[in-house]
Protein backbone atom coordinates (compact mmCIF):
# COMPACT_ATOMS: atom_id res chain seq x y z
CA MET A 1 212.23 42.53 153.12
CA ARG A 2 210.80 42.49 156.78
CA LEU A 3 208.86 45.64 155.85
CA GLU A 4 207.20 44.09 152.93
CA VAL A 5 206.07 41.04 155.08
CA VAL A 6 204.40 43.36 157.63
CA LEU A 7 202.69 45.18 154.93
CA MET A 8 201.43 42.08 153.22
CA ARG A 9 200.29 40.79 156.57
CA LYS A 10 198.34 43.93 157.13
CA ILE A 11 196.87 43.79 153.53
CA LEU A 12 195.74 40.26 154.09
CA TYR A 13 194.22 41.13 157.46
CA LEU A 14 192.08 43.98 156.02
CA TRP A 15 191.10 42.02 153.13
CA MET A 16 189.72 39.19 155.50
CA ILE A 17 187.79 41.67 157.56
CA SER A 18 186.24 43.15 154.44
CA LEU A 19 185.35 39.55 153.22
CA ALA A 20 183.60 38.78 156.56
CA PHE A 21 181.52 41.99 156.51
CA LEU A 22 180.50 41.20 153.02
CA LEU A 23 179.40 37.72 153.98
CA VAL A 24 177.42 38.76 156.93
CA PHE A 25 175.49 41.56 154.98
CA SER A 26 175.05 39.42 151.93
CA LEU A 27 173.62 36.56 154.04
CA ALA A 28 171.47 38.70 156.18
CA PRO A 29 168.30 37.71 154.29
CA TYR A 30 168.76 33.99 155.23
CA GLY A 31 168.71 34.52 159.08
CA LEU A 32 172.36 33.95 159.73
CA ALA A 33 173.23 37.65 160.45
CA ASP A 34 170.78 38.02 163.17
CA ALA A 35 171.45 34.64 164.76
CA TYR A 36 173.29 36.33 167.48
CA GLU A 37 170.90 39.33 167.80
CA LYS A 38 168.87 39.54 171.02
CA PRO A 39 165.45 37.64 170.95
CA GLN A 40 162.30 39.39 170.85
CA ILE A 41 158.95 38.04 171.93
CA ASP A 42 155.86 39.77 170.16
CA ILE A 43 152.97 37.65 171.32
CA ILE A 44 152.22 34.22 173.08
CA GLU A 45 149.10 32.40 171.83
CA PRO A 46 147.18 31.44 174.06
CA ALA A 47 148.45 33.72 176.79
CA ARG A 48 146.82 31.56 179.44
CA ALA A 49 147.06 27.70 179.34
CA PRO A 50 147.48 24.68 181.58
CA ILE A 51 150.69 22.76 182.20
CA GLY A 52 151.13 20.18 179.36
CA SER A 53 149.55 22.46 176.88
CA GLU A 54 151.11 23.56 173.47
CA ILE A 55 151.49 27.34 173.13
CA THR A 56 152.97 29.26 170.31
CA ILE A 57 155.54 32.08 170.83
CA ASN A 58 155.70 34.67 167.93
CA GLY A 59 158.56 37.02 167.56
CA ALA A 60 161.93 37.48 166.01
CA HIS A 61 165.69 36.58 166.21
CA PHE A 62 165.03 33.01 167.79
CA GLY A 63 167.44 31.54 165.34
CA ASP A 64 166.66 28.96 162.78
CA MET A 65 167.51 26.19 164.81
CA ARG A 66 167.17 25.67 168.40
CA GLU A 67 170.77 23.98 169.31
CA GLY A 68 171.43 25.47 172.77
CA SER A 69 168.59 27.87 172.82
CA ARG A 70 165.64 27.49 175.34
CA VAL A 71 162.44 28.98 176.68
CA VAL A 72 161.94 29.54 180.33
CA PHE A 73 158.71 29.67 182.18
CA GLY A 74 159.52 31.77 185.21
CA SER A 75 162.51 29.73 186.48
CA VAL A 76 161.28 26.46 185.04
CA GLU A 77 163.08 25.29 181.66
CA ALA A 78 161.03 23.74 178.82
CA THR A 79 161.90 20.39 177.83
CA GLN A 80 159.44 19.56 174.98
CA TYR A 81 159.61 21.71 171.77
CA ILE A 82 157.26 21.12 168.80
CA ARG A 83 158.69 23.65 166.22
CA TRP A 84 161.57 25.96 166.48
CA SER A 85 162.22 28.89 163.75
CA ASP A 86 163.51 32.26 163.67
CA SER A 87 160.02 33.90 164.03
CA GLN A 88 158.09 31.23 165.82
CA ILE A 89 158.43 28.60 168.78
CA LYS A 90 155.92 25.87 169.57
CA VAL A 91 156.61 24.66 173.05
CA ILE A 92 154.77 22.51 175.78
CA VAL A 93 154.28 24.32 179.07
CA PRO A 94 156.70 22.42 181.48
CA TYR A 95 155.86 20.73 184.67
CA GLY A 96 157.70 22.46 187.61
CA SER A 97 157.55 24.30 191.00
CA TYR A 98 155.64 27.44 190.30
CA PRO A 99 155.23 29.85 193.09
CA ASP A 100 152.27 31.80 191.40
CA SER A 101 150.13 31.47 188.35
CA GLN A 102 151.44 34.82 186.87
CA LEU A 103 154.75 34.08 184.96
CA GLN A 104 157.40 35.71 182.81
CA VAL A 105 158.45 33.70 179.68
CA LYS A 106 161.65 34.36 178.08
CA VAL A 107 163.47 33.10 174.97
CA ILE A 108 167.34 32.63 175.77
CA THR A 109 169.58 32.32 172.72
CA PRO A 110 173.54 33.03 172.18
CA GLY A 111 172.29 36.55 171.29
CA GLY A 112 170.91 36.90 174.96
CA SER A 113 167.67 36.81 176.78
CA SER A 114 164.39 38.44 175.60
CA TYR A 115 162.32 40.53 177.58
CA GLY A 116 159.74 38.72 179.84
CA ALA A 117 156.39 38.17 178.24
CA ARG A 118 153.39 37.89 180.46
CA PHE A 119 151.68 34.33 180.59
CA GLU A 120 149.42 32.84 183.04
CA LEU A 121 149.08 29.24 184.10
CA GLU A 122 145.59 27.87 183.89
CA PRO A 123 144.38 25.16 186.20
CA ARG A 124 142.73 22.11 184.75
CA ALA A 125 139.03 22.16 185.44
CA MET A 126 136.72 19.32 186.31
CA VAL A 127 133.18 19.01 187.45
CA LEU A 128 130.66 16.67 189.01
CA ALA A 129 127.11 17.93 189.17
CA GLU A 130 125.63 15.18 191.11
CA GLY A 131 126.42 14.18 194.62
CA PHE A 132 124.36 13.34 197.76
CA THR A 133 125.33 12.31 201.37
CA GLY A 134 121.81 11.62 202.74
CA LYS A 135 121.02 8.33 204.73
CA GLY A 136 121.94 5.18 202.76
CA PHE A 137 124.29 7.10 200.46
CA GLN A 138 128.01 6.80 200.50
CA GLU A 139 129.96 9.15 198.17
CA TYR A 140 133.72 9.05 197.22
CA ILE A 141 135.80 11.05 194.81
CA ILE A 142 138.74 9.13 193.36
CA LEU A 143 141.89 11.35 192.11
CA GLY A 144 144.08 9.16 190.01
CA ASN A 145 147.55 10.51 188.99
CA PRO A 146 149.34 8.69 186.08
CA GLN A 147 152.11 11.16 186.08
CA ALA A 148 155.62 10.63 187.31
CA PHE A 149 155.29 13.66 189.57
CA GLU A 150 152.86 14.84 192.30
CA VAL A 151 149.66 16.94 191.39
CA LYS A 152 148.31 19.88 193.31
CA VAL A 153 144.58 19.38 193.44
CA LYS A 154 141.82 21.70 194.97
CA LEU A 155 138.23 20.55 195.67
CA LEU A 156 135.54 23.11 195.75
CA TYR A 157 132.23 21.88 197.11
CA ILE A 158 129.08 23.71 196.10
CA PHE A 159 125.92 23.17 197.88
CA ALA A 160 122.31 23.64 197.01
CA ASP A 161 122.01 26.98 199.17
CA GLY A 162 124.79 28.66 197.23
CA THR A 163 127.51 28.16 199.90
CA TYR A 164 130.74 26.46 199.18
CA MET A 165 133.53 24.50 201.10
CA GLU A 166 137.31 24.29 199.91
CA ARG A 167 139.89 21.44 200.33
CA GLY A 168 143.37 21.19 198.96
CA MET A 169 145.53 18.17 198.66
CA ILE A 170 148.54 16.49 196.86
CA VAL A 171 148.15 13.17 194.84
CA PRO A 172 151.46 11.43 194.81
CA PRO A 173 153.10 10.23 191.62
CA GLN A 174 151.57 7.36 189.83
CA SER A 175 149.14 6.69 192.60
CA ARG A 176 145.49 7.79 193.71
CA VAL A 177 143.81 9.52 196.62
CA THR A 178 140.26 8.56 197.83
CA VAL A 179 138.18 11.39 199.23
CA ASP A 180 135.37 10.51 201.54
CA VAL A 181 132.68 13.07 200.61
CA ASN A 182 130.40 12.16 203.43
CA ARG A 183 133.20 12.81 205.91
CA ASP A 184 134.18 16.25 204.09
CA VAL A 185 130.66 17.88 204.00
CA GLY A 186 128.51 16.02 206.47
CA GLU A 187 125.37 14.15 206.10
CA GLU A 188 122.13 15.05 204.14
CA GLU A 189 123.87 17.33 201.72
CA GLU A 190 123.20 17.70 197.98
CA VAL A 191 126.49 18.72 196.66
CA SER A 192 128.27 19.36 193.44
CA ALA A 193 132.00 19.64 193.00
CA LEU A 194 134.70 21.51 191.02
CA ILE A 195 138.16 19.93 190.87
CA PHE A 196 141.03 22.07 189.96
CA SER A 197 144.61 20.63 189.47
CA ASP A 198 147.83 21.90 188.20
CA ILE A 199 148.29 18.98 185.57
CA TYR A 200 146.19 16.35 184.04
CA ILE A 201 144.54 13.71 186.51
CA VAL A 202 141.54 11.39 186.19
CA VAL A 203 138.64 11.77 188.63
CA GLU A 204 135.81 9.50 189.15
CA ARG A 205 132.93 9.62 191.61
CA PRO A 206 131.36 6.31 192.99
CA ILE A 207 128.36 6.64 195.06
CA TYR A 208 126.96 3.35 196.85
CA PHE A 209 123.50 3.65 198.00
CA ASP A 210 120.25 2.29 199.58
CA TYR A 211 117.40 4.14 197.97
CA ARG A 212 114.19 2.98 199.13
CA GLY A 213 115.35 -0.34 199.72
CA TRP A 214 116.80 -0.54 196.10
CA THR A 215 120.55 -1.00 196.49
CA GLY A 216 123.26 -0.58 194.26
CA GLY A 217 126.01 1.68 193.03
CA HIS A 218 126.88 4.06 190.27
CA ASN A 219 129.99 5.91 188.87
CA ILE A 220 131.08 8.57 186.70
CA VAL A 221 134.09 10.38 185.18
CA ALA A 222 134.31 13.98 185.86
CA GLY A 223 133.41 16.16 182.93
CA ARG A 224 135.45 19.25 181.44
CA LYS A 225 132.70 21.16 179.72
CA ALA A 226 129.77 23.40 180.62
CA SER A 227 127.25 23.91 178.12
CA LYS A 228 123.81 25.73 177.22
CA THR A 229 122.70 22.53 175.74
CA TRP A 230 122.68 18.86 177.30
CA TYR A 231 121.25 15.62 175.62
CA PHE A 232 120.05 12.59 177.28
CA ALA A 233 118.82 9.69 175.43
CA GLU A 234 117.77 7.33 178.19
CA GLY A 235 115.20 8.31 180.74
CA SER A 236 112.08 6.63 182.33
CA THR A 237 109.24 7.46 184.60
CA GLU A 238 107.67 4.11 184.30
CA PRO A 239 106.58 2.25 187.52
CA GLY A 240 109.67 0.96 189.13
CA PHE A 241 111.84 3.83 188.02
CA ASP A 242 112.62 7.21 189.72
CA GLU A 243 114.63 9.62 187.61
CA TYR A 244 116.55 12.94 188.61
CA LEU A 245 118.52 15.67 187.05
CA ALA A 246 121.13 17.45 188.92
CA VAL A 247 122.11 20.82 187.30
CA LEU A 248 124.99 22.84 188.47
CA ASN A 249 124.98 26.61 187.77
CA PRO A 250 128.54 27.84 188.20
CA THR A 251 127.97 31.41 186.77
CA GLU A 252 126.95 34.54 188.43
CA LYS A 253 123.52 34.83 186.89
CA GLU A 254 120.38 32.65 187.41
CA ALA A 255 120.10 30.02 184.84
CA ASN A 256 116.56 29.60 183.07
CA LEU A 257 116.00 26.16 181.77
CA VAL A 258 113.72 24.54 179.25
CA PHE A 259 113.14 20.69 179.46
CA ARG A 260 112.21 19.23 176.10
CA PHE A 261 111.10 15.76 176.58
CA GLN A 262 110.93 13.41 173.65
CA ILE A 263 108.42 10.81 174.74
CA GLU A 264 108.83 7.35 172.95
CA ASP A 265 105.77 6.97 170.47
CA ALA A 266 104.04 10.06 172.11
CA GLY A 267 105.65 13.22 170.81
CA GLU A 268 107.15 15.97 172.82
CA ILE A 269 106.48 17.87 176.26
CA PHE A 270 108.04 20.99 177.30
CA ARG A 271 108.65 21.98 181.08
CA TYR A 272 110.70 24.88 182.70
CA GLY A 273 112.73 25.54 185.75
CA SER A 274 115.59 27.66 187.06
CA VAL A 275 118.84 27.25 189.16
CA PRO A 276 120.13 30.10 191.04
CA ALA A 277 123.73 31.49 190.41
CA TYR A 278 126.55 29.77 192.24
CA SER A 279 124.31 26.86 192.94
CA ARG A 280 123.00 23.45 192.18
CA LYS A 281 119.30 22.21 192.07
CA THR A 282 117.91 18.76 191.93
CA PHE A 283 114.67 18.02 189.86
CA LYS A 284 112.69 14.82 190.04
CA LEU A 285 111.78 14.12 186.64
CA ASN A 286 108.83 11.93 187.58
CA ASP A 287 107.11 14.86 189.06
CA LEU A 288 108.09 17.39 186.37
CA LEU A 289 107.19 15.09 183.41
CA GLY A 290 104.66 12.77 184.88
CA SER A 291 104.61 8.92 185.51
CA GLY A 292 104.58 6.17 182.79
CA CYS A 293 107.03 7.68 180.24
CA ARG A 294 110.07 6.55 178.29
CA ALA A 295 111.51 9.91 177.40
CA SER A 296 114.85 11.27 176.21
CA LEU A 297 115.55 14.88 177.22
CA ALA A 298 117.12 18.02 175.45
CA LEU A 299 117.93 20.52 178.01
CA LYS A 300 118.27 24.10 177.19
CA SER A 301 119.72 26.99 179.28
CA ASP A 302 120.49 30.74 178.97
CA GLN A 303 123.59 30.29 180.98
CA PHE A 304 126.42 27.75 180.93
CA VAL A 305 125.43 24.81 183.19
CA VAL A 306 126.41 21.11 184.10
CA ALA A 307 123.78 18.46 183.92
CA GLU A 308 123.86 14.97 185.37
CA ARG A 309 120.87 12.44 185.18
CA SER A 310 120.77 9.81 187.92
CA MET A 311 118.10 6.83 187.92
CA TYR A 312 117.02 4.33 190.39
CA PHE A 313 114.99 1.34 189.83
CA GLY A 314 113.43 -1.63 191.54
CA HIS A 315 111.37 -4.55 190.01
CA GLU A 316 109.35 -7.48 191.31
CA ASP A 317 111.95 -9.94 190.09
CA SER A 318 114.26 -8.63 192.77
CA ARG A 319 116.31 -6.73 190.17
CA SER A 320 117.15 -3.22 191.68
CA GLY A 321 119.96 -0.81 191.37
CA GLY A 322 120.71 2.50 189.64
CA HIS A 323 123.13 4.50 187.27
CA CYS A 324 124.20 7.90 186.68
CA GLU A 325 125.46 9.65 183.50
CA MET A 326 126.63 13.00 182.52
CA GLY A 327 124.88 14.31 179.52
CA LEU A 328 126.18 14.98 176.12
CA PRO A 329 127.11 18.70 175.83
CA GLY A 330 126.79 19.20 172.12
CA PHE A 331 127.78 18.07 168.73
CA PRO A 332 130.52 18.49 166.14
CA SER A 333 129.86 21.14 163.54
CA SER A 334 129.95 18.35 160.95
CA GLY A 335 129.57 14.72 160.67
CA PRO A 336 130.12 11.87 160.54
CA PHE A 337 128.67 11.30 163.91
CA SER A 338 129.79 8.06 165.87
CA TYR A 339 129.53 6.29 169.12
CA TYR A 340 131.26 3.16 170.39
CA PHE A 341 130.36 0.78 173.33
CA ALA A 342 133.25 -1.62 174.48
CA GLU A 343 131.15 -3.57 177.00
CA GLY A 344 127.98 -5.68 176.42
CA SER A 345 126.43 -8.99 176.86
CA THR A 346 123.30 -10.90 175.94
CA PHE A 347 124.10 -14.06 178.01
CA GLY A 348 121.46 -15.34 180.36
CA GLY A 349 120.62 -12.77 183.13
CA PHE A 350 121.75 -9.88 181.05
CA ASP A 351 119.32 -7.62 179.24
CA GLU A 352 120.85 -5.04 177.05
CA TYR A 353 119.33 -2.17 175.27
CA LEU A 354 120.45 0.82 172.92
CA ILE A 355 118.47 4.05 173.28
CA LEU A 356 118.80 6.41 170.45
CA GLN A 357 117.65 10.04 170.39
CA ASN A 358 117.19 12.37 167.42
CA PRO A 359 117.30 15.74 169.03
CA ASP A 360 116.19 17.47 165.66
CA SER A 361 112.56 18.30 165.75
CA ALA A 362 112.60 18.79 161.86
CA ILE A 363 114.94 16.29 160.15
CA PRO A 364 114.81 12.51 160.28
CA VAL A 365 118.17 10.53 160.97
CA VAL A 366 119.37 7.32 159.61
CA VAL A 367 121.82 5.50 161.91
CA ASP A 368 124.03 2.46 160.98
CA VAL A 369 124.48 -0.04 163.75
CA THR A 370 127.38 -2.77 163.60
CA TYR A 371 127.59 -5.50 166.20
CA ARG A 372 130.85 -7.18 166.91
CA PHE A 373 131.69 -10.16 169.05
CA ARG A 374 134.44 -11.87 170.76
CA ALA A 375 136.51 -14.41 168.68
CA GLY A 376 134.39 -17.46 167.75
CA GLN A 377 130.99 -15.93 168.56
CA GLY A 378 130.20 -15.06 164.96
CA ASP A 379 130.42 -12.46 162.10
CA PRO A 380 129.57 -8.87 162.43
CA ILE A 381 125.85 -8.14 162.29
CA ARG A 382 124.76 -4.86 160.72
CA LYS A 383 121.29 -3.03 161.00
CA GLN A 384 119.98 0.26 160.10
CA TYR A 385 117.48 2.32 162.17
CA ARG A 386 115.69 5.35 160.96
CA LEU A 387 114.66 7.90 163.76
CA GLU A 388 111.86 10.38 162.84
CA PRO A 389 112.16 14.00 163.76
CA GLY A 390 112.36 14.34 167.70
CA GLN A 391 112.10 10.48 167.99
CA ARG A 392 113.41 8.29 170.98
CA ARG A 393 113.93 4.82 170.01
CA THR A 394 114.81 1.57 172.18
CA ILE A 395 116.62 -1.52 170.88
CA PHE A 396 116.51 -4.76 172.64
CA LEU A 397 119.95 -6.30 171.75
CA PRO A 398 119.01 -9.95 171.91
CA ASP A 399 116.33 -9.29 169.27
CA ASP A 400 119.21 -8.18 166.80
CA VAL A 401 122.09 -10.46 167.75
CA GLY A 402 120.65 -13.33 169.72
CA ARG A 403 121.50 -14.74 173.22
CA GLY A 404 124.87 -15.76 174.42
CA LYS A 405 127.13 -13.14 172.92
CA ASP A 406 129.88 -10.62 174.26
CA VAL A 407 129.01 -7.89 171.97
CA SER A 408 130.56 -4.35 171.24
CA VAL A 409 128.65 -1.69 169.12
CA ALA A 410 129.59 0.94 166.55
CA LEU A 411 127.02 3.49 165.49
CA GLN A 412 127.33 5.98 162.90
CA SER A 413 125.30 8.68 160.98
CA ASP A 414 125.57 11.66 158.82
CA SER A 415 123.33 13.68 161.11
CA PRO A 416 123.46 14.32 164.96
CA PHE A 417 122.22 11.83 167.28
CA VAL A 418 122.59 10.57 170.83
CA ALA A 419 123.35 6.69 171.80
CA GLU A 420 123.18 5.42 175.44
CA ARG A 421 123.47 1.68 176.36
CA SER A 422 121.53 0.26 179.31
CA ILE A 423 122.18 -3.12 180.80
CA PHE A 424 120.06 -4.70 183.54
CA TYR A 425 121.41 -8.08 184.91
CA ARG A 426 121.77 -10.74 187.27
CA TYR A 427 125.63 -11.14 187.46
CA ASP A 428 126.58 -14.72 188.81
CA PHE A 429 130.16 -15.62 188.58
CA SER A 430 132.49 -17.18 191.14
CA ASP A 431 131.63 -15.85 194.53
CA ILE A 432 129.44 -13.12 193.67
CA SER A 433 125.69 -13.15 192.58
CA VAL A 434 124.08 -9.81 192.43
CA TYR A 435 121.43 -7.73 190.65
CA GLY A 436 122.08 -4.46 189.23
CA GLY A 437 122.06 -2.23 186.08
CA ASP A 438 124.32 0.41 184.43
CA CYS A 439 124.09 2.90 181.74
CA ILE A 440 126.54 5.03 179.77
CA VAL A 441 126.96 7.48 176.66
CA GLY A 442 129.05 5.78 174.00
CA ALA A 443 132.61 7.02 173.27
CA ARG A 444 132.72 9.61 170.51
CA LYS A 445 136.19 8.50 169.30
CA THR A 446 138.61 5.74 169.65
CA SER A 447 141.91 6.59 171.46
CA LEU A 448 145.48 5.40 171.87
CA GLN A 449 145.26 6.14 175.76
CA TRP A 450 142.54 5.40 178.43
CA TYR A 451 142.67 6.00 182.14
CA PHE A 452 140.63 4.89 185.15
CA SER A 453 141.37 6.31 188.72
CA GLU A 454 138.83 3.79 190.41
CA GLY A 455 139.47 0.13 190.81
CA PHE A 456 139.29 -2.38 193.64
CA THR A 457 139.85 -6.22 193.61
CA GLY A 458 139.20 -6.99 197.26
CA PRO A 459 136.71 -9.17 198.84
CA ASP A 460 133.31 -9.08 197.24
CA PHE A 461 134.49 -6.94 194.34
CA HIS A 462 134.94 -8.18 190.87
CA GLU A 463 136.61 -5.75 188.39
CA TRP A 464 136.88 -6.23 184.62
CA LEU A 465 138.22 -4.52 181.54
CA SER A 466 136.49 -4.59 178.25
CA LEU A 467 138.52 -3.45 175.06
CA PHE A 468 137.05 -2.96 171.72
CA ASN A 469 139.19 -2.43 168.41
CA PRO A 470 136.81 -1.34 165.69
CA GLY A 471 139.79 -1.05 163.21
CA GLU A 472 140.96 -3.25 160.51
CA GLU A 473 144.24 -4.29 162.10
CA ASP A 474 145.10 -5.81 165.48
CA SER A 475 145.95 -3.38 168.26
CA LEU A 476 148.78 -4.34 170.74
CA VAL A 477 147.81 -2.93 174.01
CA GLU A 478 149.89 -2.41 177.41
CA VAL A 479 147.90 -2.25 180.53
CA THR A 480 149.70 -0.75 183.64
CA TYR A 481 148.28 -0.70 187.02
CA PHE A 482 149.12 2.00 189.64
CA THR A 483 148.85 0.69 193.29
CA PRO A 484 149.66 2.19 196.75
CA SER A 485 152.80 -0.11 196.87
CA GLY A 486 154.01 0.78 193.50
CA VAL A 487 153.56 0.34 189.76
CA LEU A 488 152.89 -3.26 188.73
CA HIS A 489 154.80 -4.61 185.63
CA PRO A 490 152.96 -3.68 182.55
CA ALA A 491 151.19 -6.55 180.78
CA ARG A 492 150.45 -6.67 177.11
CA ILE A 493 147.18 -7.82 175.35
CA THR A 494 146.47 -8.19 171.56
CA VAL A 495 142.90 -6.91 170.59
CA PRO A 496 141.97 -8.50 167.38
CA ALA A 497 140.74 -6.41 164.54
CA GLY A 498 137.03 -5.69 164.61
CA SER A 499 136.69 -7.58 167.99
CA ARG A 500 136.91 -7.31 171.65
CA GLU A 501 138.66 -8.63 174.57
CA THR A 502 137.39 -8.83 178.14
CA PHE A 503 139.57 -10.00 181.13
CA MET A 504 139.18 -9.93 185.07
CA VAL A 505 141.43 -7.44 186.80
CA ASN A 506 141.29 -9.54 189.94
CA ASP A 507 143.24 -12.26 188.08
CA HIS A 508 145.25 -9.80 185.82
CA ALA A 509 146.52 -7.39 188.55
CA GLY A 510 146.16 -9.72 191.82
CA ARG A 511 143.69 -9.73 194.56
CA ASN A 512 142.89 -7.19 197.31
CA ILE A 513 144.39 -4.33 195.56
CA LEU A 514 143.24 -0.63 195.44
CA LEU A 515 144.46 0.58 192.03
CA SER A 516 144.14 2.94 189.07
CA CYS A 517 144.80 1.84 185.40
CA GLN A 518 146.58 3.02 182.42
CA ILE A 519 145.73 1.51 178.92
CA ARG A 520 148.03 2.35 176.09
CA VAL A 521 148.00 1.07 172.57
CA ILE A 522 151.64 0.31 171.49
CA SER A 523 150.84 -0.57 168.04
CA GLY A 524 147.81 -0.69 165.75
CA PRO A 525 144.60 1.52 165.60
CA GLY A 526 142.79 3.19 168.52
CA ILE A 527 140.49 1.30 170.86
CA VAL A 528 137.64 2.03 173.26
CA ALA A 529 137.99 0.92 176.99
CA GLU A 530 135.31 0.47 179.73
CA ARG A 531 135.61 -0.97 183.10
CA PRO A 532 132.62 -2.92 184.64
CA MET A 533 132.67 -3.60 188.31
CA TYR A 534 130.24 -5.87 190.57
CA PHE A 535 130.15 -5.80 194.21
CA ARG A 536 128.50 -7.18 197.36
CA LEU A 537 129.02 -5.20 200.40
CA SER A 538 128.04 -6.77 203.68
CA GLN A 539 126.62 -3.38 205.00
CA THR A 540 126.90 0.30 204.35
CA GLU A 541 129.22 2.45 206.68
CA ASP A 542 126.50 3.13 208.90
CA GLY A 543 125.78 -0.58 209.70
CA ASP A 544 122.49 -0.48 207.73
CA THR A 545 121.21 -2.70 204.98
CA ALA A 546 123.60 -4.76 202.65
CA VAL A 547 124.45 -3.06 199.27
CA GLU A 548 124.86 -5.05 196.21
CA GLY A 549 125.16 -4.14 192.43
CA GLY A 550 127.60 -2.89 189.97
CA HIS A 551 128.51 0.17 187.81
CA THR A 552 130.36 0.35 184.49
CA SER A 553 132.47 3.51 183.32
CA LEU A 554 133.93 4.62 180.11
CA GLY A 555 137.61 5.44 180.44
CA ASP A 556 139.08 9.10 180.32
CA VAL A 557 141.10 10.19 177.34
CA PRO A 558 143.95 12.42 178.53
CA TYR A 559 143.60 16.25 177.41
CA ALA A 560 140.44 15.29 175.35
CA GLY A 561 138.64 17.85 177.43
CA ASP A 562 140.91 20.67 176.39
CA ALA A 563 139.55 21.19 173.03
CA LEU A 564 136.40 22.25 171.64
CA GLU A 565 136.69 21.06 168.04
CA ASP A 566 133.99 18.29 168.91
CA TYR A 567 131.32 20.75 169.86
CA THR A 568 129.69 23.81 168.38
CA SER A 569 131.06 26.76 169.93
CA ASN A 570 127.97 28.68 170.59
CA CYS A 571 126.55 26.32 173.09
CA CYS A 572 129.60 24.53 174.65
CA SER A 573 132.50 25.97 176.59
CA ASN A 574 135.61 24.75 178.48
CA LEU A 575 134.75 24.76 182.04
CA MET A 576 137.22 27.42 183.15
CA GLU A 577 135.83 29.97 180.73
CA ALA A 578 132.29 29.21 181.89
CA LEU A 579 133.00 29.78 185.52
CA SER A 580 132.10 32.97 187.34
CA PRO A 581 135.03 35.20 188.06
CA PHE A 582 134.63 34.26 191.80
CA PHE A 583 135.10 30.50 190.99
CA GLN A 584 137.99 31.30 188.38
CA GLU A 585 139.87 33.20 191.23
CA LYS A 586 139.44 30.38 193.47
CA ALA A 587 140.92 27.97 190.79
CA ARG A 588 143.86 30.30 190.18
CA ARG A 589 144.77 30.48 193.90
CA LEU A 590 145.93 26.75 193.36
CA TRP A 591 149.44 27.87 193.11
CA LYS A 592 149.20 30.28 196.15
């Protein structure tokens, strides 16, 4: 009896083993058999990317579900996974402490660890073509960090003679750093800047000036593109206007330039110039074009360059000031083509203009314009404008909408065009009464997030935020301010559908605060955010003439500069790819 029991147990044991083998091999096509095989990485796409970017890992034996499996970049484990399958993983490059930009990426599963696949961290690159530290000019670079961890930053100043200067720094979490460019590079320098960081930051460059007795300030958010084509709708060499174009050539070859000026009601004029390799050059357009012209500009180059236009003005009615704007580096490959402006006013003392440019010399463009107002100021007003081939057109907004309006604008066309908005003003509110002007290119899209690194609510500074919702539903918006003493409690604002809201940051955040700002849509459609600032400085830093005026900036959209889908690829490039190998190597030493 005991022998029979033993035999039965052996038979049952052998039967169970056979059944297990049968199940394993019959289910192999469904990926269960090789769930515990050693993972294998075939290729990582892209093989080089910044922290925070999505990459794709293709291979085998990853397992159908992640469960306890993971991806490791060097010694830093990923925490954000977009997709996980047996042959493909989509993952976000994690933030961490990296000793070098060259990493080994591994996939670790219950089956073991894959062999390391080579991956390289790519710095995030930003650029400022304009910059001047001459007498009467005070330049700053503001680095805003909305992240919950510190950011490594390298500044690379590039001078007109082709020399350069480096500076590294750390920007603390949810804070900002103000860089005094005059102090860094010295006086009387024409200077561009490349800014490299390991993760996303916001960079702005305010300049306060006394130019020929015309005082004011201008500000710009750093760009993330280089291009062989740059478009500027605004431009004037009429009496009382001085116009300049700063062109940075970050490549290893001389850049040959063609200036195609589109003169309002007078056709086109071509001029030519060049910029040496590894250098920048400033062109005074009054000299290049001649005086007495309102002209848009299409700049062509045989190398990837970055171009900014600065303008200074002074009039007999005491209005003086200036503004600066980076050009448009190209167009999407297909329409519709849109622009949005959040800020705008036709109240007394404010003269607002739209400047439209048709860069095509052969095809006319029809632009649909919709004006929207704050609640209680009237229904939307719609207009349509035809731009002939190569035409520039100036629209005076009070003629379209009347006086006494807070106005936002949406423009759209089936064909490529450029839209800028200029405002000349006497700002008179509370304890500040100043003259000035500003100009910006419109936002190409709405967004659920906007960031500003610059901001100050101290004495003789008034800061505002203008939020425009062109959608059909209300947007609930959360505004968070980052200050040297910590993060202020977020405030929530509803921006009605098809309308705008404007509020004073001095009242919203508090007085006498140096701050950066994050704007996030909690629910509803995307919005457009602009920040006007008005100021009256008792004197410049060298003790000279009083400086007063204002500047307005469009916010920065996180990671928007990483993609090229908004531009035709033959003329526009991500900045890192356009840089000379020398500058690329400088950037990648951020981790060394």
